[in-house]
PDB file of all heavy atoms in Angstrom:
ATOM      1  N   VAL A   1      68.999  45.353 111.810  1.00  0.00           N
ATOM      2  CA  VAL A   1      69.462  46.626 112.386  1.00  0.00           C
ATOM      3  C   VAL A   1      70.954  46.658 112.484  1.00  0.00           C
ATOM      4  O   VAL A   1      71.540  47.630 112.118  1.00  0.00           O
ATOM      5  CB  VAL A   1      68.833  46.805 113.789  1.00  0.00           C
ATOM      6  CG1 VAL A   1      69.429  48.038 114.491  1.00  0.00           C
ATOM      7  CG2 VAL A   1      67.307  46.896 113.726  1.00  0.00           C
ATOM      8  N   GLY A   2      71.597  45.550 112.859  1.00  0.00           N
ATOM      9  CA  GLY A   2      73.084  45.510 112.914  1.00  0.00           C
ATOM     10  C   GLY A   2      73.692  45.744 111.608  1.00  0.00           C
ATOM     11  O   GLY A   2      74.754  46.411 111.541  1.00  0.00           O
ATOM     12  N   GLU A   3      73.095  45.295 110.548  1.00  0.00           N
ATOM     13  CA  GLU A   3      73.567  45.662 109.184  1.00  0.00           C
ATOM     14  C   GLU A   3      73.421  47.062 108.843  1.00  0.00           C
ATOM     15  O   GLU A   3      74.251  47.652 108.339  1.00  0.00           O
ATOM     16  CB  GLU A   3      72.883  44.636 108.106  1.00  0.00           C
ATOM     17  CG  GLU A   3      73.357  43.260 108.094  1.00  0.00           C
ATOM     18  CD  GLU A   3      74.858  43.174 107.739  1.00  0.00           C
ATOM     19  OE1 GLU A   3      75.248  43.894 106.820  1.00  0.00           O
ATOM     20  OE2 GLU A   3      75.575  42.367 108.364  1.00  0.00           O
ATOM     21  N   LEU A   4      72.151  47.456 109.042  1.00  0.00           N
ATOM     22  CA  LEU A   4      71.808  48.915 108.659  1.00  0.00           C
ATOM     23  C   LEU A   4      72.794  49.992 109.210  1.00  0.00           C
ATOM     24  O   LEU A   4      73.259  50.932 108.560  1.00  0.00           O
ATOM     25  CB  LEU A   4      70.403  49.301 109.087  1.00  0.00           C
ATOM     26  CG  LEU A   4      69.880  50.622 108.762  1.00  0.00           C
ATOM     27  CD1 LEU A   4      69.935  50.899 107.207  1.00  0.00           C
ATOM     28  CD2 LEU A   4      68.319  50.718 109.178  1.00  0.00           C
ATOM     29  N   VAL A   5      73.116  49.756 110.518  1.00  0.00           N
ATOM     30  CA  VAL A   5      73.948  50.793 111.227  1.00  0.00           C
ATOM     31  C   VAL A   5      75.392  50.804 110.815  1.00  0.00           C
ATOM     32  O   VAL A   5      76.166  51.675 111.162  1.00  0.00           O
ATOM     33  CB  VAL A   5      73.763  50.705 112.764  1.00  0.00           C
ATOM     34  CG1 VAL A   5      72.327  50.797 113.154  1.00  0.00           C
ATOM     35  CG2 VAL A   5      74.469  49.403 113.271  1.00  0.00           C
ATOM     36  N   THR A   6      75.769  49.793 109.993  1.00  0.00           N
ATOM     37  CA  THR A   6      77.169  49.752 109.579  1.00  0.00           C
ATOM     38  C   THR A   6      77.361  49.957 108.057  1.00  0.00           C
ATOM     39  O   THR A   6      78.438  49.881 107.515  1.00  0.00           O
ATOM     40  CB  THR A   6      77.837  48.355 109.961  1.00  0.00           C
ATOM     41  OG1 THR A   6      77.067  47.304 109.285  1.00  0.00           O
ATOM     42  CG2 THR A   6      77.841  48.225 111.433  1.00  0.00           C
ATOM     43  N   MET A   7      76.199  50.240 107.355  1.00  0.00           N
ATOM     44  CA  MET A   7      76.294  50.349 105.901  1.00  0.00           C
ATOM     45  C   MET A   7      76.673  51.804 105.421  1.00  0.00           C
ATOM     46  O   MET A   7      75.874  52.444 104.792  1.00  0.00           O
ATOM     47  CB  MET A   7      74.941  49.921 105.250  1.00  0.00           C
ATOM     48  CG  MET A   7      74.564  48.486 105.560  1.00  0.00           C
ATOM     49  SD  MET A   7      73.210  47.802 104.491  1.00  0.00           S
ATOM     50  CE  MET A   7      72.131  49.167 104.258  1.00  0.00           C
ATOM     51  N   LYS A   8      77.946  52.108 105.723  1.00  0.00           N
ATOM     52  CA  LYS A   8      78.332  53.528 105.466  1.00  0.00           C
ATOM     53  C   LYS A   8      78.486  53.808 103.999  1.00  0.00           C
ATOM     54  O   LYS A   8      78.496  55.016 103.630  1.00  0.00           O
ATOM     55  CB  LYS A   8      79.688  53.758 106.262  1.00  0.00           C
ATOM     56  CG  LYS A   8      80.760  52.853 105.886  1.00  0.00           C
ATOM     57  CD  LYS A   8      82.057  53.144 106.793  1.00  0.00           C
ATOM     58  CE  LYS A   8      83.151  52.189 106.516  1.00  0.00           C
ATOM     59  NZ  LYS A   8      84.300  52.450 107.395  1.00  0.00           N
ATOM     60  N   ASP A   9      78.549  52.817 103.108  1.00  0.00           N
ATOM     61  CA  ASP A   9      78.643  53.018 101.746  1.00  0.00           C
ATOM     62  C   ASP A   9      77.192  53.451 101.197  1.00  0.00           C
ATOM     63  O   ASP A   9      77.192  54.100 100.047  1.00  0.00           O
ATOM     64  CB  ASP A   9      79.120  51.769 100.917  1.00  0.00           C
ATOM     65  CG  ASP A   9      80.553  51.519 101.196  1.00  0.00           C
ATOM     66  OD1 ASP A   9      81.305  52.423 101.603  1.00  0.00           O
ATOM     67  OD2 ASP A   9      81.038  50.380 100.995  1.00  0.00           O
ATOM     68  N   TYR A  10      76.176  53.158 101.921  1.00  0.00           N
ATOM     69  CA  TYR A  10      74.907  53.281 101.370  1.00  0.00           C
ATOM     70  C   TYR A  10      74.004  54.234 102.226  1.00  0.00           C
ATOM     71  O   TYR A  10      73.004  54.756 101.722  1.00  0.00           O
ATOM     72  CB  TYR A  10      74.134  51.949 101.213  1.00  0.00           C
ATOM     73  CG  TYR A  10      74.889  50.954 100.315  1.00  0.00           C
ATOM     74  CD1 TYR A  10      75.162  49.777 100.824  1.00  0.00           C
ATOM     75  CD2 TYR A  10      75.110  51.290  99.011  1.00  0.00           C
ATOM     76  CE1 TYR A  10      75.870  48.837  99.987  1.00  0.00           C
ATOM     77  CE2 TYR A  10      75.752  50.374  98.190  1.00  0.00           C
ATOM     78  CZ  TYR A  10      76.164  49.148  98.683  1.00  0.00           C
ATOM     79  OH  TYR A  10      76.850  48.268  97.885  1.00  0.00           O
ATOM     80  N   VAL A  11      74.310  54.407 103.486  1.00  0.00           N
ATOM     81  CA  VAL A  11      73.508  55.269 104.372  1.00  0.00           C
ATOM     82  C   VAL A  11      74.320  56.392 104.939  1.00  0.00           C
ATOM     83  O   VAL A  11      75.452  56.264 105.304  1.00  0.00           O
ATOM     84  CB  VAL A  11      73.014  54.362 105.552  1.00  0.00           C
ATOM     85  CG1 VAL A  11      72.097  55.196 106.522  1.00  0.00           C
ATOM     86  CG2 VAL A  11      72.229  53.251 105.102  1.00  0.00           C
ATOM     87  N   ASP A  12      73.744  57.648 104.887  1.00  0.00           N
ATOM     88  CA  ASP A  12      74.532  58.814 105.240  1.00  0.00           C
ATOM     89  C   ASP A  12      74.250  59.265 106.605  1.00  0.00           C
ATOM     90  O   ASP A  12      75.151  59.829 107.298  1.00  0.00           O
ATOM     91  CB  ASP A  12      74.082  59.961 104.330  1.00  0.00           C
ATOM     92  CG  ASP A  12      74.559  59.680 102.862  1.00  0.00           C
ATOM     93  OD1 ASP A  12      75.768  59.654 102.603  1.00  0.00           O
ATOM     94  OD2 ASP A  12      73.654  59.463 101.977  1.00  0.00           O
ATOM     95  N   VAL A  13      73.059  58.995 107.181  1.00  0.00           N
ATOM     96  CA  VAL A  13      72.710  59.414 108.577  1.00  0.00           C
ATOM     97  C   VAL A  13      71.758  58.344 109.135  1.00  0.00           C
ATOM     98  O   VAL A  13      70.861  57.930 108.447  1.00  0.00           O
ATOM     99  CB  VAL A  13      72.310  60.826 108.666  1.00  0.00           C
ATOM    100  CG1 VAL A  13      70.961  61.029 107.977  1.00  0.00           C
ATOM    101  CG2 VAL A  13      72.276  61.360 110.078  1.00  0.00           C
ATOM    102  N   LEU A  14      71.789  58.215 110.384  1.00  0.00           N
ATOM    103  CA  LEU A  14      70.822  57.356 111.118  1.00  0.00           C
ATOM    104  C   LEU A  14      69.994  58.137 112.118  1.00  0.00           C
ATOM    105  O   LEU A  14      70.523  59.122 112.735  1.00  0.00           O
ATOM    106  CB  LEU A  14      71.520  56.214 111.820  1.00  0.00           C
ATOM    107  CG  LEU A  14      72.300  55.142 111.083  1.00  0.00           C
ATOM    108  CD1 LEU A  14      73.089  54.303 111.993  1.00  0.00           C
ATOM    109  CD2 LEU A  14      71.270  54.254 110.345  1.00  0.00           C
ATOM    110  N   VAL A  15      68.716  57.838 112.260  1.00  0.00           N
ATOM    111  CA  VAL A  15      67.812  58.510 113.196  1.00  0.00           C
ATOM    112  C   VAL A  15      67.100  57.319 114.000  1.00  0.00           C
ATOM    113  O   VAL A  15      66.179  56.737 113.522  1.00  0.00           O
ATOM    114  CB  VAL A  15      66.781  59.372 112.476  1.00  0.00           C
ATOM    115  CG1 VAL A  15      65.943  60.097 113.636  1.00  0.00           C
ATOM    116  CG2 VAL A  15      67.400  60.375 111.525  1.00  0.00           C
ATOM    117  N   PRO A  16      67.585  57.046 115.166  1.00  0.00           N
ATOM    118  CA  PRO A  16      66.859  56.039 116.018  1.00  0.00           C
ATOM    119  C   PRO A  16      65.757  56.721 116.854  1.00  0.00           C
ATOM    120  O   PRO A  16      65.929  57.786 117.343  1.00  0.00           O
ATOM    121  CB  PRO A  16      67.963  55.505 116.970  1.00  0.00           C
ATOM    122  CG  PRO A  16      68.914  56.640 117.063  1.00  0.00           C
ATOM    123  CD  PRO A  16      68.815  57.463 115.793  1.00  0.00           C
ATOM    124  N   ARG A  17      64.545  56.111 116.824  1.00  0.00           N
ATOM    125  CA  ARG A  17      63.465  56.629 117.627  1.00  0.00           C
ATOM    126  C   ARG A  17      62.909  55.499 118.435  1.00  0.00           C
ATOM    127  O   ARG A  17      62.463  54.424 117.972  1.00  0.00           O
ATOM    128  CB  ARG A  17      62.338  57.164 116.754  1.00  0.00           C
ATOM    129  CG  ARG A  17      62.773  58.406 116.005  1.00  0.00           C
ATOM    130  CD  ARG A  17      61.608  59.078 115.342  1.00  0.00           C
ATOM    131  NE  ARG A  17      60.654  59.499 116.343  1.00  0.00           N
ATOM    132  CZ  ARG A  17      59.576  60.277 115.965  1.00  0.00           C
ATOM    133  NH1 ARG A  17      59.330  60.628 114.778  1.00  0.00           N
ATOM    134  NH2 ARG A  17      58.684  60.616 116.920  1.00  0.00           N
ATOM    135  N   GLY A  18      62.925  55.549 119.780  1.00  0.00           N
ATOM    136  CA  GLY A  18      62.436  54.551 120.666  1.00  0.00           C
ATOM    137  C   GLY A  18      62.974  54.697 122.019  1.00  0.00           C
ATOM    138  O   GLY A  18      63.417  55.799 122.438  1.00  0.00           O
ATOM    139  N   GLY A  19      63.062  53.644 122.765  1.00  0.00           N
ATOM    140  CA  GLY A  19      63.530  53.608 124.164  1.00  0.00           C
ATOM    141  C   GLY A  19      65.031  53.827 124.258  1.00  0.00           C
ATOM    142  O   GLY A  19      65.783  53.731 123.245  1.00  0.00           O
ATOM    143  N   LYS A  20      65.461  54.185 125.470  1.00  0.00           N
ATOM    144  CA  LYS A  20      66.864  54.490 125.650  1.00  0.00           C
ATOM    145  C   LYS A  20      67.770  53.332 125.303  1.00  0.00           C
ATOM    146  O   LYS A  20      68.928  53.607 124.748  1.00  0.00           O
ATOM    147  CB  LYS A  20      67.050  54.855 127.164  1.00  0.00           C
ATOM    148  CG  LYS A  20      68.490  55.358 127.548  1.00  0.00           C
ATOM    149  CD  LYS A  20      68.487  55.749 129.023  1.00  0.00           C
ATOM    150  CE  LYS A  20      69.850  56.290 129.363  1.00  0.00           C
ATOM    151  NZ  LYS A  20      69.945  56.752 130.783  1.00  0.00           N
ATOM    152  N   SER A  21      67.411  52.102 125.578  1.00  0.00           N
ATOM    153  CA  SER A  21      68.254  50.980 125.186  1.00  0.00           C
ATOM    154  C   SER A  21      68.450  50.870 123.707  1.00  0.00           C
ATOM    155  O   SER A  21      69.621  50.577 123.307  1.00  0.00           O
ATOM    156  CB  SER A  21      67.739  49.633 125.805  1.00  0.00           C
ATOM    157  OG  SER A  21      66.471  49.416 125.257  1.00  0.00           O
ATOM    158  N   LEU A  22      67.408  51.111 122.917  1.00  0.00           N
ATOM    159  CA  LEU A  22      67.568  51.051 121.554  1.00  0.00           C
ATOM    160  C   LEU A  22      68.515  52.138 121.047  1.00  0.00           C
ATOM    161  O   LEU A  22      69.487  51.893 120.250  1.00  0.00           O
ATOM    162  CB  LEU A  22      66.170  51.235 120.826  1.00  0.00           C
ATOM    163  CG  LEU A  22      66.287  51.508 119.303  1.00  0.00           C
ATOM    164  CD1 LEU A  22      66.558  50.197 118.580  1.00  0.00           C
ATOM    165  CD2 LEU A  22      65.021  52.087 118.752  1.00  0.00           C
ATOM    166  N   ILE A  23      68.360  53.345 121.547  1.00  0.00           N
ATOM    167  CA  ILE A  23      69.146  54.378 120.971  1.00  0.00           C
ATOM    168  C   ILE A  23      70.641  54.334 121.482  1.00  0.00           C
ATOM    169  O   ILE A  23      71.552  54.552 120.769  1.00  0.00           O
ATOM    170  CB  ILE A  23      68.585  55.790 121.513  1.00  0.00           C
ATOM    171  CG1 ILE A  23      67.183  55.956 120.917  1.00  0.00           C
ATOM    172  CG2 ILE A  23      69.487  56.997 121.229  1.00  0.00           C
ATOM    173  CD1 ILE A  23      66.378  57.126 121.526  1.00  0.00           C
ATOM    174  N   GLU A  24      70.763  53.797 122.768  1.00  0.00           N
ATOM    175  CA  GLU A  24      72.185  53.486 123.202  1.00  0.00           C
ATOM    176  C   GLU A  24      72.880  52.440 122.308  1.00  0.00           C
ATOM    177  O   GLU A  24      74.038  52.529 121.983  1.00  0.00           O
ATOM    178  CB  GLU A  24      72.237  53.051 124.595  1.00  0.00           C
ATOM    179  CG  GLU A  24      72.039  54.182 125.628  1.00  0.00           C
ATOM    180  CD  GLU A  24      72.000  53.725 127.058  1.00  0.00           C
ATOM    181  OE1 GLU A  24      71.541  52.541 127.230  1.00  0.00           O
ATOM    182  OE2 GLU A  24      72.325  54.520 127.938  1.00  0.00           O
ATOM    183  N   ARG A  25      72.060  51.408 121.826  1.00  0.00           N
ATOM    184  CA  ARG A  25      72.635  50.395 121.015  1.00  0.00           C
ATOM    185  C   ARG A  25      73.055  50.940 119.671  1.00  0.00           C
ATOM    186  O   ARG A  25      74.125  50.732 119.177  1.00  0.00           O
ATOM    187  CB  ARG A  25      71.624  49.177 120.863  1.00  0.00           C
ATOM    188  CG  ARG A  25      72.206  48.151 119.965  1.00  0.00           C
ATOM    189  CD  ARG A  25      71.022  47.286 119.330  1.00  0.00           C
ATOM    190  NE  ARG A  25      71.657  46.429 118.276  1.00  0.00           N
ATOM    191  CZ  ARG A  25      70.919  45.624 117.465  1.00  0.00           C
ATOM    192  NH1 ARG A  25      69.651  45.602 117.553  1.00  0.00           N
ATOM    193  NH2 ARG A  25      71.508  45.034 116.512  1.00  0.00           N
ATOM    194  N   ILE A  26      72.168  51.731 119.071  1.00  0.00           N
ATOM    195  CA  ILE A  26      72.418  52.275 117.808  1.00  0.00           C
ATOM    196  C   ILE A  26      73.677  53.138 117.851  1.00  0.00           C
ATOM    197  O   ILE A  26      74.522  53.175 117.051  1.00  0.00           O
ATOM    198  CB  ILE A  26      71.232  53.095 117.214  1.00  0.00           C
ATOM    199  CG1 ILE A  26      70.043  52.215 117.098  1.00  0.00           C
ATOM    200  CG2 ILE A  26      71.555  53.721 115.827  1.00  0.00           C
ATOM    201  CD1 ILE A  26      70.088  50.893 116.421  1.00  0.00           C
ATOM    202  N   SER A  27      73.711  54.010 118.847  1.00  0.00           N
ATOM    203  CA  SER A  27      74.842  54.982 119.018  1.00  0.00           C
ATOM    204  C   SER A  27      76.141  54.283 119.187  1.00  0.00           C
ATOM    205  O   SER A  27      77.202  54.764 118.710  1.00  0.00           O
ATOM    206  CB  SER A  27      74.540  55.890 120.231  1.00  0.00           C
ATOM    207  OG  SER A  27      73.316  56.598 120.078  1.00  0.00           O
ATOM    208  N   SER A  28      76.224  53.160 119.939  1.00  0.00           N
ATOM    209  CA  SER A  28      77.422  52.449 120.155  1.00  0.00           C
ATOM    210  C   SER A  28      77.878  51.592 118.953  1.00  0.00           C
ATOM    211  O   SER A  28      79.072  51.492 118.768  1.00  0.00           O
ATOM    212  CB  SER A  28      77.270  51.620 121.392  1.00  0.00           C
ATOM    213  OG  SER A  28      76.361  50.455 121.201  1.00  0.00           O
ATOM    214  N   GLU A  29      76.922  51.051 118.289  1.00  0.00           N
ATOM    215  CA  GLU A  29      77.302  50.170 117.067  1.00  0.00           C
ATOM    216  C   GLU A  29      77.487  50.902 115.796  1.00  0.00           C
ATOM    217  O   GLU A  29      78.092  50.344 114.870  1.00  0.00           O
ATOM    218  CB  GLU A  29      76.245  49.073 116.944  1.00  0.00           C
ATOM    219  CG  GLU A  29      76.067  48.119 118.154  1.00  0.00           C
ATOM    220  CD  GLU A  29      75.087  47.018 117.823  1.00  0.00           C
ATOM    221  OE1 GLU A  29      74.526  46.900 116.743  1.00  0.00           O
ATOM    222  OE2 GLU A  29      74.830  46.328 118.885  1.00  0.00           O
ATOM    223  N   ALA A  30      76.872  52.106 115.668  1.00  0.00           N
ATOM    224  CA  ALA A  30      76.782  52.734 114.299  1.00  0.00           C
ATOM    225  C   ALA A  30      78.225  53.189 113.904  1.00  0.00           C
ATOM    226  O   ALA A  30      79.042  53.670 114.595  1.00  0.00           O
ATOM    227  CB  ALA A  30      75.883  53.935 114.441  1.00  0.00           C
ATOM    228  N   ARG A  31      78.399  53.064 112.554  1.00  0.00           N
ATOM    229  CA  ARG A  31      79.643  53.639 111.861  1.00  0.00           C
ATOM    230  C   ARG A  31      79.194  54.799 111.079  1.00  0.00           C
ATOM    231  O   ARG A  31      79.962  55.224 110.106  1.00  0.00           O
ATOM    232  CB  ARG A  31      80.258  52.540 110.973  1.00  0.00           C
ATOM    233  CG  ARG A  31      80.731  51.313 111.789  1.00  0.00           C
ATOM    234  CD  ARG A  31      81.341  50.316 110.889  1.00  0.00           C
ATOM    235  NE  ARG A  31      81.684  49.040 111.597  1.00  0.00           N
ATOM    236  CZ  ARG A  31      82.124  47.984 110.943  1.00  0.00           C
ATOM    237  NH1 ARG A  31      82.307  47.965 109.622  1.00  0.00           N
ATOM    238  NH2 ARG A  31      82.314  46.893 111.708  1.00  0.00           N
ATOM    239  N   ILE A  32      78.015  55.281 111.307  1.00  0.00           N
ATOM    240  CA  ILE A  32      77.378  56.359 110.536  1.00  0.00           C
ATOM    241  C   ILE A  32      76.890  57.466 111.553  1.00  0.00           C
ATOM    242  O   ILE A  32      76.584  57.135 112.556  1.00  0.00           O
ATOM    243  CB  ILE A  32      76.203  55.774 109.723  1.00  0.00           C
ATOM    244  CG1 ILE A  32      76.624  54.676 108.791  1.00  0.00           C
ATOM    245  CG2 ILE A  32      75.464  56.904 108.916  1.00  0.00           C
ATOM    246  CD1 ILE A  32      75.456  53.774 108.413  1.00  0.00           C
ATOM    247  N   PRO A  33      76.962  58.787 111.119  1.00  0.00           N
ATOM    248  CA  PRO A  33      76.473  59.780 112.065  1.00  0.00           C
ATOM    249  C   PRO A  33      74.995  59.529 112.541  1.00  0.00           C
ATOM    250  O   PRO A  33      74.243  59.048 111.718  1.00  0.00           O
ATOM    251  CB  PRO A  33      76.558  61.008 111.271  1.00  0.00           C
ATOM    252  CG  PRO A  33      77.594  60.786 110.165  1.00  0.00           C
ATOM    253  CD  PRO A  33      77.480  59.308 109.902  1.00  0.00           C
ATOM    254  N   VAL A  34      74.706  59.833 113.834  1.00  0.00           N
ATOM    255  CA  VAL A  34      73.350  59.483 114.369  1.00  0.00           C
ATOM    256  C   VAL A  34      72.828  60.856 114.866  1.00  0.00           C
ATOM    257  O   VAL A  34      73.395  61.627 115.637  1.00  0.00           O
ATOM    258  CB  VAL A  34      73.540  58.517 115.505  1.00  0.00           C
ATOM    259  CG1 VAL A  34      72.158  58.187 116.206  1.00  0.00           C
ATOM    260  CG2 VAL A  34      74.170  57.247 115.095  1.00  0.00           C
ATOM    261  N   ILE A  35      71.596  61.066 114.454  1.00  0.00           N
ATOM    262  CA  ILE A  35      70.682  62.229 115.036  1.00  0.00           C
ATOM    263  C   ILE A  35      69.883  61.596 116.139  1.00  0.00           C
ATOM    264  O   ILE A  35      69.028  60.665 115.837  1.00  0.00           O
ATOM    265  CB  ILE A  35      69.867  62.830 113.971  1.00  0.00           C
ATOM    266  CG1 ILE A  35      70.717  63.493 112.872  1.00  0.00           C
ATOM    267  CG2 ILE A  35      68.888  63.845 114.603  1.00  0.00           C
ATOM    268  CD1 ILE A  35      69.943  64.035 111.742  1.00  0.00           C
ATOM    269  N   LYS A  36      70.012  62.050 117.348  1.00  0.00           N
ATOM    270  CA  LYS A  36      69.391  61.351 118.482  1.00  0.00           C
ATOM    271  C   LYS A  36      69.074  62.121 119.670  1.00  0.00           C
ATOM    272  O   LYS A  36      69.583  63.206 119.875  1.00  0.00           O
ATOM    273  CB  LYS A  36      70.262  60.166 118.887  1.00  0.00           C
ATOM    274  CG  LYS A  36      71.532  60.666 119.560  1.00  0.00           C
ATOM    275  CD  LYS A  36      72.517  59.531 119.970  1.00  0.00           C
ATOM    276  CE  LYS A  36      73.704  60.101 120.711  1.00  0.00           C
ATOM    277  NZ  LYS A  36      74.375  61.128 120.182  1.00  0.00           N
ATOM    278  N   HIS A  37      68.206  61.594 120.600  1.00  0.00           N
ATOM    279  CA  HIS A  37      68.169  61.960 121.936  1.00  0.00           C
ATOM    280  C   HIS A  37      67.906  60.732 122.705  1.00  0.00           C
ATOM    281  O   HIS A  37      67.247  59.834 122.292  1.00  0.00           O
ATOM    282  CB  HIS A  37      67.021  62.946 122.223  1.00  0.00           C
ATOM    283  CG  HIS A  37      65.664  62.339 122.281  1.00  0.00           C
ATOM    284  ND1 HIS A  37      64.903  62.169 121.107  1.00  0.00           N
ATOM    285  CD2 HIS A  37      64.908  61.795 123.275  1.00  0.00           C
ATOM    286  CE1 HIS A  37      63.806  61.646 121.454  1.00  0.00           C
ATOM    287  NE2 HIS A  37      63.728  61.411 122.768  1.00  0.00           N
TER     288      HIS A  37
END
C-alpha cells in the first residue's frame, strides 16, 4: 500500500474504501489525487 500510494508515474488517482483510519492513512501518505470519504 505504501508503494502504491506514491507511484505517481504509474497511477493517476486513488480510491480508498474502508475504515476511517485506512482512508486517513491513504490521504496523508498519497502523492496522487484521492477520491474519498
